[in-house]
Protein backbone atom coordinates (compact mmCIF):
# COMPACT_ATOMS: atom_id res chain seq x y z
CA MET A 1 112.54 81.84 25.25
CA ASP A 2 111.02 78.52 26.34
CA ALA A 3 113.78 78.10 28.94
CA GLU A 4 113.05 81.53 30.43
CA ILE A 5 109.32 80.74 30.60
CA ASN A 6 110.09 77.44 32.36
CA GLN A 7 112.32 79.25 34.85
CA ARG A 8 109.55 81.75 35.61
CA ARG A 9 107.10 78.91 36.16
CA LYS A 10 109.48 77.18 38.55
CA GLY A 11 110.33 80.33 40.51
CA PRO A 12 107.46 80.50 43.05
CA ALA A 13 107.62 76.77 43.77
CA LEU A 14 111.30 77.13 44.71
CA VAL A 15 110.89 80.24 46.85
CA GLU A 16 108.15 78.86 49.13
CA PRO A 17 110.22 76.04 50.74
CA LEU A 18 112.58 78.65 52.23
CA ILE A 19 110.04 79.33 54.91
CA ALA A 20 108.16 76.04 54.77
CA GLY A 21 111.35 74.13 55.54
CA ARG A 22 111.60 75.82 58.94
CA ARG A 23 107.96 75.79 59.99
CA GLY A 24 107.49 74.51 63.52
CA ARG A 25 111.16 74.68 64.54
CA ALA A 26 111.61 76.53 67.83
CA ASP A 27 115.39 76.95 67.72
CA PRO A 28 116.74 76.88 64.15
CA GLU A 29 120.44 77.36 64.95
CA ARG A 30 121.78 74.74 62.56
CA ILE A 31 121.26 75.12 58.83
CA GLY A 32 120.57 71.71 57.38
CA TRP A 33 121.94 70.62 54.07
CA ARG A 34 118.50 70.63 52.38
CA ARG A 35 117.94 74.23 53.40
CA ARG A 36 121.44 75.21 52.24
CA LEU A 37 120.69 73.57 48.90
CA MET A 38 117.38 75.44 48.55
CA LEU A 39 118.97 78.78 49.45
CA ARG A 40 121.78 78.36 46.91
CA ARG A 41 119.41 77.04 44.26
CA GLN A 42 117.00 79.95 44.74
CA GLY A 43 119.88 82.43 44.70
CA ARG A 44 121.22 81.07 41.43
CA LEU A 45 117.74 81.11 39.89
CA ASP A 46 117.05 84.70 40.95
CA GLY A 47 120.48 85.76 39.70
CA ARG A 48 119.88 84.28 36.27
CA MET A 49 116.49 86.04 36.17
CA ARG A 50 118.16 89.43 37.03
CA LYS A 51 116.48 89.77 40.41
CA PRO A 52 116.67 92.46 41.56
CA ASP A 53 117.09 94.45 38.35
CA PRO A 54 119.20 97.57 39.17
CA ILE A 55 117.92 99.36 36.05
CA MET A 56 114.21 98.51 35.99
CA MET A 57 113.87 98.56 39.76
CA ASP A 58 110.90 100.63 40.98
CA GLY A 59 111.16 99.94 44.73
CA ALA A 60 113.44 98.54 47.39
CA PRO A 61 116.24 96.30 46.07
CA THR A 62 114.97 92.95 47.30
CA THR A 63 113.67 89.58 46.18
CA ALA A 64 110.87 87.31 47.31
CA ALA A 65 113.40 84.96 48.93
CA ARG A 66 115.02 87.79 50.89
CA ASP A 67 111.61 88.98 52.07
CA LEU A 68 110.73 85.45 53.16
CA LEU A 69 113.93 85.16 55.19
CA ALA A 70 113.20 88.49 56.88
CA GLY A 71 109.60 87.47 57.53
CA GLU A 72 110.69 84.16 58.99
CA TYR A 73 113.12 85.90 61.34
CA LEU A 74 110.40 88.27 62.55
CA ALA A 75 107.87 85.45 62.92
CA ASN A 76 110.27 83.39 65.04
CA VAL A 77 111.07 86.31 67.33
CA PHE A 78 107.42 87.34 67.70
CA ARG A 79 106.44 83.73 68.43
CA VAL A 80 108.95 83.48 71.28
CA ARG A 81 107.86 86.89 72.54
CA ALA A 82 104.22 85.86 72.53
CA GLU A 83 104.94 82.60 74.37
CA CYS A 84 107.02 84.39 77.01
CA ALA A 85 104.49 87.22 77.40
CA GLU A 86 101.72 84.70 78.05
CA ALA A 87 103.90 82.82 80.54
CA ILE A 88 104.88 86.08 82.30
CA ASP A 89 101.26 87.21 82.57
CA ASP A 90 100.17 83.85 84.02
CA ALA A 91 103.09 83.77 86.45
CA THR A 92 102.50 87.37 87.51
CA ARG A 93 98.91 86.56 88.37
CA ARG A 94 100.16 83.53 90.29
CA VAL A 95 102.59 85.72 92.27
CA GLN A 96 99.77 88.09 93.12
CA ARG A 97 97.53 85.26 94.30
CA LEU A 98 100.37 83.88 96.39
CA GLY A 99 100.87 87.34 97.88
CA HIS A 100 97.25 87.37 99.04
CA ASP A 101 97.60 83.82 100.40
CA ILE A 102 100.79 84.74 102.25
CA ALA A 103 99.16 87.79 103.83
CA ASP A 104 96.22 85.62 104.96
CA LEU A 105 98.54 82.94 106.34
CA ARG A 106 100.56 85.51 108.25
CA ALA A 107 97.42 86.95 109.83
CA ARG A 108 96.22 83.48 110.83
CA LEU A 109 99.65 82.61 112.18
CA ILE A 110 99.70 85.73 114.35
CA ASP A 111 96.27 84.79 115.71
CA VAL A 112 97.34 81.20 116.46
CA ARG A 113 100.52 82.35 118.19
CA THR A 114 98.49 84.76 120.33
CA ARG A 115 96.01 82.06 121.31
CA THR A 116 98.87 79.66 122.03
CA ALA A 117 100.54 82.15 124.34
CA GLU A 118 97.24 82.81 126.15
CA THR A 119 96.61 79.08 126.52
CA GLU A 120 100.08 78.54 127.96
CA ARG A 121 99.46 81.31 130.51
CA ARG A 122 96.19 79.70 131.57
CA LYS A 123 97.83 76.46 132.58
CA PRO A 124 95.68 74.83 135.28
CA SER A 125 97.07 74.45 138.77
CA THR A 126 98.09 71.01 139.93
CA THR A 127 97.90 71.86 143.63
CA GLY A 128 95.22 74.52 144.19
CA PRO A 129 91.46 74.22 144.04
CA PRO A 130 90.44 72.74 140.70
CA GLU A 131 88.35 74.60 138.11
CA ARG A 132 85.16 72.63 138.14
CA GLU A 133 82.73 72.38 135.25
CA PRO A 134 79.18 70.99 135.10
CA GLY A 135 79.44 67.30 135.86
CA ASP A 136 82.46 67.66 138.18
CA ARG A 137 80.49 68.39 141.40
CA HIS A 138 80.75 64.89 142.81
CA HIS A 139 84.29 64.09 141.58
CA PRO A 140 87.35 64.37 143.85
CA ASP A 141 89.73 67.32 143.41
CA ASP A 142 92.64 65.18 142.16
CA LEU A 143 90.49 63.71 139.39
CA VAL A 144 89.17 67.15 138.34
CA ARG A 145 92.66 68.68 138.33
CA ALA A 146 93.97 65.77 136.19
CA ARG A 147 91.05 66.24 133.79
CA ARG A 148 91.76 70.00 133.44
CA VAL A 149 95.47 69.29 132.81
CA ARG A 150 94.63 66.79 130.06
CA GLU A 151 92.15 69.18 128.43
CA HIS A 152 94.69 72.01 128.57
CA ALA A 153 97.41 69.81 127.08
CA LYS A 154 95.08 68.76 124.28
CA ARG A 155 94.12 72.37 123.42
CA LEU A 156 97.77 73.41 123.50
CA ALA A 157 98.81 70.48 121.28
CA GLU A 158 96.10 71.37 118.75
CA LEU A 159 97.24 74.99 118.68
CA ILE A 160 100.89 73.99 118.27
CA ALA A 161 99.95 71.61 115.43
CA GLU A 162 97.92 74.37 113.76
CA ARG A 163 100.81 76.81 114.15
CA ARG A 164 103.28 74.37 112.62
CA ASP A 165 100.89 73.63 109.75
CA LEU A 166 100.52 77.37 109.03
CA GLU A 167 104.28 77.89 109.24
CA GLU A 168 104.84 75.09 106.73
CA LYS A 169 102.18 76.45 104.37
CA LEU A 170 103.71 79.92 104.69
CA ARG A 171 107.17 78.53 103.94
CA ARG A 172 105.93 76.66 100.85
CA ALA A 173 103.97 79.67 99.59
CA GLY A 174 107.00 81.94 100.01
CA GLN A 175 109.25 79.43 98.25
CA GLU A 176 106.80 79.06 95.36
CA GLN A 177 106.50 82.83 95.05
CA SER A 178 110.29 83.20 94.95
CA GLU A 179 110.65 80.43 92.36
CA THR A 180 107.86 81.93 90.23
CA ARG A 181 109.57 85.33 90.29
CA SER A 182 112.82 83.68 89.19
CA ARG A 183 111.01 82.05 86.28
CA ILE A 184 109.49 85.40 85.32
CA GLU A 185 112.96 86.96 85.16
CA ALA A 186 114.16 84.06 83.01
CA TRP A 187 111.19 84.54 80.64
CA ARG A 188 112.00 88.25 80.43
CA ARG A 189 115.51 87.42 79.18
CA ARG A 190 114.53 84.55 76.86
CA PRO A 191 113.28 86.64 73.86
CA GLY A 192 116.54 88.59 73.80
CA GLU A 193 118.56 85.39 73.83
CA ALA A 194 116.34 83.86 71.15
CA GLU A 195 116.57 87.03 69.06
CA THR A 196 120.37 86.75 69.10
CA ARG A 197 120.23 83.14 67.88
CA PHE A 198 117.60 83.85 65.23
CA ALA A 199 119.60 86.86 64.01
CA ALA A 200 122.76 84.76 63.65
CA THR A 201 120.85 82.19 61.63
CA PHE A 202 119.26 84.95 59.51
CA TRP A 203 122.68 86.43 58.65
CA ARG A 204 124.12 83.06 57.67
CA GLU A 205 121.16 82.05 55.54
CA ARG A 206 120.92 85.37 53.75
CA ALA A 207 124.66 85.28 53.09
CA LEU A 208 124.27 81.86 51.44
CA TYR A 209 121.46 83.16 49.26
CA ASP A 210 123.21 86.44 48.37
CA GLN A 211 126.46 84.70 47.42
CA ALA A 212 124.63 82.39 45.03
CA LEU A 213 122.59 85.28 43.62
CA LEU A 214 125.58 87.55 42.96
CA ARG A 215 127.60 84.78 41.34
CA ARG A 216 124.90 84.31 38.68
CA HIS A 217 123.57 87.87 38.35
CA PRO A 218 124.82 89.47 35.10
CA GLN A 219 124.96 92.88 36.82
CA ALA A 220 126.35 91.76 40.17
CA ASP A 221 128.64 94.81 40.45
CA LEU A 222 125.57 97.08 40.37
CA VAL A 223 123.41 94.91 42.60
CA ARG A 224 125.96 94.29 45.36
CA PRO A 225 126.12 97.88 46.74
CA ILE A 226 122.35 98.43 46.68
CA LEU A 227 121.32 95.25 48.49
CA ASP A 228 119.95 95.95 51.94
CA ASN A 229 122.37 94.46 54.47
CA ALA A 230 120.42 95.47 57.59
CA ILE A 231 118.48 93.08 59.78
CA PRO A 232 114.71 93.67 60.06
CA ARG A 233 113.92 96.10 62.86
CA LEU A 234 111.96 94.91 65.86
CA PRO A 235 109.76 96.92 68.22
CA PRO A 236 110.90 97.07 71.85
CA TRP A 237 110.14 94.07 74.04
CA PRO A 238 107.73 95.52 76.65
CA TYR A 239 108.54 92.80 79.21
CA ALA A 240 112.31 93.27 79.04
CA GLU A 241 112.54 95.00 82.42
CA SER A 242 110.82 94.20 85.69
CA PRO A 243 108.20 96.74 86.76
CA ALA A 244 109.03 98.92 89.74
CA PRO A 245 107.76 97.42 93.01
CA PRO A 246 104.69 99.15 94.44
CA LYS A 247 105.37 101.76 97.11
CA GLU A 248 104.38 100.74 100.60
CA ALA A 249 101.76 102.80 102.36
CA PRO A 250 103.23 105.13 105.03
C-alpha cells in the first residue's frame, strides 16, 4: 500500500519532463538518451499503475504522457506555422511596396528617356548662327557656339547619368522582389516539411512509451487494441498555396 502511494506521488513529477525536456528545441529529430530514459520510465510506471484501465475507463483510452506527446507535437507545428505566417506577411508587404517602387521607377525612367531623346535632337549647331542668351551679345560666334555645345553636353551627361541610376535602382528592386517571392514560397513549404519531421519524432517517441507501458501493464492484451494509434489532426495550413495573381485591368 505504501509503495502504491509513493508511486502515485512520483507520477506527476515524472510525466512533466516529457515536454519540458524538449522546450525551446526548433528541430527535435534526434531522441536523446535522457528523453528515451524518461519515456521508458514513464511507460513502465503507468503500466504498473494500470493506466489506462480498460475496465474502469470512462473516456478515451489515453494517459497524461500520451497527451503531453500529442500536445508537444501540435505546439511544435503551430510554432513553425506562426513563425512562417509572420515572415510571409512581412515579405508580402515588402513585395507590394517594391511593386509600387518599381512602378514609380519605370515612370521616371520613361520620362528621363524622353527628355534624353529630346535633348539629343536639340543638339546645337557648330556651323550656323549660334543661339545667344543674355550676356552673349558682345561675344564672338565661335565662343558662343562652343559654350552652347558644352552646356548641351553637360545636360545630356546629367540625363544619361540619371537614366543609368534609375535603371540600376530598377534592376535592384526587381531582383529584391524576385528573391523575396522565392523566400515566400520557401516559407510556404517549410511548415509541411517541419510537420513531417515532427510527426516522425512523435511516432518514435510514442512507440518507446507504449512499448514500456504494455510490457508492464497487467492487462496489456486488453489495452493494446484500444490505444489510439492516430496522429493528432491539424487544421489546414492557410498559406500552403500561393494566392492567384490579380487580374490586369483591360
